[in-house]
Amino acid sequence: MPPAVSSCWRARVDGSVINAGDGAHEHPTQALLDALTIRRNKGRLEGLVIAICGDVMHSRVARSNILLLNTMGARVRVVAPSTLLPRGNRADGRRGSPATCARGLTAPIS
């Protein structure tokens, strides 16, 4: 995977670079909006169990949500067929294990 566009710009400019999404890598602004919506409706993020369902392999929003929600203290469960999960040992395609993977909806939300 090529480096994120924001990383390339960061090396070339003398100033701040805000990554609002860069193609197939991430969509952090959507993740921030999702986190705000959850917090407004639930009152918190920490300690919540949040299920992300669908095509995680091709979703930059899902990857960004996994990273942000874990950082904010939520436990993320990913529900998808194995063909729609990223290759590797992590639901967002990176090393480590920030999300639990499941193939049905019952286990992730219990």
C-alpha atoms as a PDB file:
ATOM      1  CA  MET A   1       0.000   0.000   0.000  1.00  0.00           C
ATOM      2  CA  PRO A   2       1.478   3.408  -0.936  1.00  0.00           C
ATOM      3  CA  PRO A   3       1.976   5.950   1.844  1.00  0.00           C
ATOM      4  CA  ALA A   4      -0.955   8.181   2.685  1.00  0.00           C
ATOM      5  CA  VAL A   5      -1.148  11.450   0.786  1.00  0.00           C
ATOM      6  CA  SER A   6      -1.053  13.437   4.033  1.00  0.00           C
ATOM      7  CA  SER A   7       2.287  11.811   4.895  1.00  0.00           C
ATOM      8  CA  CYS A   8       3.724  12.921   1.564  1.00  0.00           C
ATOM      9  CA  TRP A   9       2.539  16.496   2.083  1.00  0.00           C
ATOM     10  CA  ARG A  10       3.772  16.569   5.689  1.00  0.00           C
ATOM     11  CA  ALA A  11       7.295  15.936   4.435  1.00  0.00           C
ATOM     12  CA  ARG A  12       7.072  18.781   1.898  1.00  0.00           C
ATOM     13  CA  VAL A  13       5.380  21.689   3.673  1.00  0.00           C
ATOM     14  CA  ASP A  14       6.256  23.811   6.654  1.00  0.00           C
ATOM     15  CA  GLY A  15       2.918  23.750   8.452  1.00  0.00           C
ATOM     16  CA  SER A  16       0.125  21.534   9.696  1.00  0.00           C
ATOM     17  CA  VAL A  17      -1.513  18.935   7.492  1.00  0.00           C
ATOM     18  CA  ILE A  18      -4.980  17.672   8.377  1.00  0.00           C
ATOM     19  CA  ASN A  19      -5.941  14.340   6.848  1.00  0.00           C
ATOM     20  CA  ALA A  20      -9.602  14.604   5.844  1.00  0.00           C
ATOM     21  CA  GLY A  21      -9.427  11.338   3.911  1.00  0.00           C
ATOM     22  CA  ASP A  22      -7.131  10.139   1.176  1.00  0.00           C
ATOM     23  CA  GLY A  23      -8.510   7.698  -1.312  1.00  0.00           C
ATOM     24  CA  ALA A  24      -8.600   4.105  -0.092  1.00  0.00           C
ATOM     25  CA  HIS A  25      -6.609   4.595   3.134  1.00  0.00           C
ATOM     26  CA  GLU A  26      -8.640   6.441   5.749  1.00  0.00           C
ATOM     27  CA  HIS A  27     -11.599   8.752   6.300  1.00  0.00           C
ATOM     28  CA  PRO A  28     -10.885  10.307   9.712  1.00  0.00           C
ATOM     29  CA  THR A  29     -13.385  13.158   9.424  1.00  0.00           C
ATOM     30  CA  GLN A  30     -16.246  10.662   8.991  1.00  0.00           C
ATOM     31  CA  ALA A  31     -14.952   8.677  11.978  1.00  0.00           C
ATOM     32  CA  LEU A  32     -14.986  11.858  14.083  1.00  0.00           C
ATOM     33  CA  LEU A  33     -18.579  12.553  13.043  1.00  0.00           C
ATOM     34  CA  ASP A  34     -19.585   8.964  13.822  1.00  0.00           C
ATOM     35  CA  ALA A  35     -17.933   9.171  17.256  1.00  0.00           C
ATOM     36  CA  LEU A  36     -19.696  12.477  17.975  1.00  0.00           C
ATOM     37  CA  THR A  37     -23.049  10.996  16.972  1.00  0.00           C
ATOM     38  CA  ILE A  38     -22.541   7.958  19.214  1.00  0.00           C
ATOM     39  CA  ARG A  39     -21.418  10.147  22.113  1.00  0.00           C
ATOM     40  CA  ARG A  40     -24.407  12.472  21.739  1.00  0.00           C
ATOM     41  CA  ASN A  41     -26.815   9.522  21.714  1.00  0.00           C
ATOM     42  CA  LYS A  42     -25.131   7.307  24.316  1.00  0.00           C
ATOM     43  CA  GLY A  43     -23.407   9.934  26.465  1.00  0.00           C
ATOM     44  CA  ARG A  44     -19.998   8.280  26.198  1.00  0.00           C
ATOM     45  CA  LEU A  45     -17.756   6.087  24.051  1.00  0.00           C
ATOM     46  CA  GLU A  46     -15.614   4.455  26.721  1.00  0.00           C
ATOM     47  CA  GLY A  47     -16.784   0.982  27.610  1.00  0.00           C
ATOM     48  CA  LEU A  48     -19.337   0.684  24.809  1.00  0.00           C
ATOM     49  CA  VAL A  49     -19.354  -2.361  22.556  1.00  0.00           C
ATOM     50  CA  ILE A  50     -19.779  -1.137  18.986  1.00  0.00           C
ATOM     51  CA  ALA A  51     -20.396  -3.466  16.045  1.00  0.00           C
ATOM     52  CA  ILE A  52     -19.308  -2.445  12.549  1.00  0.00           C
ATOM     53  CA  CYS A  53     -21.054  -4.611   9.967  1.00  0.00           C
ATOM     54  CA  GLY A  54     -20.301  -5.029   6.287  1.00  0.00           C
ATOM     55  CA  ASP A  55     -17.456  -4.750   3.832  1.00  0.00           C
ATOM     56  CA  VAL A  56     -14.572  -3.800   6.118  1.00  0.00           C
ATOM     57  CA  MET A  57     -11.915  -4.739   3.563  1.00  0.00           C
ATOM     58  CA  HIS A  58     -12.911  -1.953   1.181  1.00  0.00           C
ATOM     59  CA  SER A  59     -14.204   0.595   3.703  1.00  0.00           C
ATOM     60  CA  ARG A  60     -11.904   3.428   4.697  1.00  0.00           C
ATOM     61  CA  VAL A  61     -14.648   4.627   7.064  1.00  0.00           C
ATOM     62  CA  ALA A  62     -14.671   1.283   8.893  1.00  0.00           C
ATOM     63  CA  ARG A  63     -10.879   1.325   9.261  1.00  0.00           C
ATOM     64  CA  SER A  64     -10.934   4.884  10.614  1.00  0.00           C
ATOM     65  CA  ASN A  65     -13.801   4.065  12.997  1.00  0.00           C
ATOM     66  CA  ILE A  66     -11.946   1.017  14.346  1.00  0.00           C
ATOM     67  CA  LEU A  67      -8.879   3.130  15.109  1.00  0.00           C
ATOM     68  CA  LEU A  68     -10.752   6.076  16.628  1.00  0.00           C
ATOM     69  CA  LEU A  69     -13.327   4.155  18.646  1.00  0.00           C
ATOM     70  CA  ASN A  70     -10.650   1.929  20.180  1.00  0.00           C
ATOM     71  CA  THR A  71      -8.581   4.989  21.025  1.00  0.00           C
ATOM     72  CA  MET A  72     -11.630   6.468  22.768  1.00  0.00           C
ATOM     73  CA  GLY A  73     -12.094   3.334  24.892  1.00  0.00           C
ATOM     74  CA  ALA A  74     -14.856   1.512  23.025  1.00  0.00           C
ATOM     75  CA  ARG A  75     -14.636  -2.200  22.238  1.00  0.00           C
ATOM     76  CA  VAL A  76     -15.140  -2.693  18.516  1.00  0.00           C
ATOM     77  CA  ARG A  77     -16.607  -5.846  17.008  1.00  0.00           C
ATOM     78  CA  VAL A  78     -16.482  -6.356  13.247  1.00  0.00           C
ATOM     79  CA  VAL A  79     -19.158  -8.488  11.618  1.00  0.00           C
ATOM     80  CA  ALA A  80     -18.512  -9.641   8.054  1.00  0.00           C
ATOM     81  CA  PRO A  81     -17.921 -12.713   5.953  1.00  0.00           C
ATOM     82  CA  SER A  82     -14.244 -13.656   5.857  1.00  0.00           C
ATOM     83  CA  THR A  83     -14.125 -12.568   2.202  1.00  0.00           C
ATOM     84  CA  LEU A  84     -14.892  -8.981   3.284  1.00  0.00           C
ATOM     85  CA  LEU A  85     -12.324  -8.767   6.095  1.00  0.00           C
ATOM     86  CA  PRO A  86      -8.816  -7.415   5.388  1.00  0.00           C
ATOM     87  CA  ARG A  87      -6.025  -9.911   5.004  1.00  0.00           C
ATOM     88  CA  GLY A  88      -3.736 -10.097   8.009  1.00  0.00           C
ATOM     89  CA  ASN A  89      -4.413 -10.443  11.678  1.00  0.00           C
ATOM     90  CA  ARG A  90      -6.353  -7.244  12.310  1.00  0.00           C
ATOM     91  CA  ALA A  91      -9.760  -5.999  11.218  1.00  0.00           C
ATOM     92  CA  ASP A  92      -8.317  -2.728   9.947  1.00  0.00           C
ATOM     93  CA  GLY A  93      -5.485  -4.439   8.024  1.00  0.00           C
ATOM     94  CA  ARG A  94      -2.695  -3.416  10.404  1.00  0.00           C
ATOM     95  CA  ARG A  95      -0.756  -5.426  12.995  1.00  0.00           C
ATOM     96  CA  GLY A  96      -2.248  -6.106  16.428  1.00  0.00           C
ATOM     97  CA  SER A  97      -5.847  -6.796  17.367  1.00  0.00           C
ATOM     98  CA  PRO A  98      -8.052  -3.765  18.072  1.00  0.00           C
ATOM     99  CA  ALA A  99     -11.320  -5.399  16.991  1.00  0.00           C
ATOM    100  CA  THR A 100     -12.978  -8.750  17.478  1.00  0.00           C
ATOM    101  CA  CYS A 101     -14.258 -10.374  14.290  1.00  0.00           C
ATOM    102  CA  ALA A 102     -17.481 -12.362  13.993  1.00  0.00           C
ATOM    103  CA  ARG A 103     -19.699 -13.753  11.236  1.00  0.00           C
ATOM    104  CA  GLY A 104     -23.092 -13.303  12.932  1.00  0.00           C
ATOM    105  CA  LEU A 105     -24.783 -10.481  14.835  1.00  0.00           C
ATOM    106  CA  THR A 106     -25.604 -12.300  18.081  1.00  0.00           C
ATOM    107  CA  ALA A 107     -22.083 -12.646  19.526  1.00  0.00           C
ATOM    108  CA  PRO A 108     -20.783  -9.124  18.736  1.00  0.00           C
ATOM    109  CA  ILE A 109     -23.460  -7.272  20.639  1.00  0.00           C
ATOM    110  CA  SER A 110     -23.682  -9.504  23.703  1.00  0.00           C
END
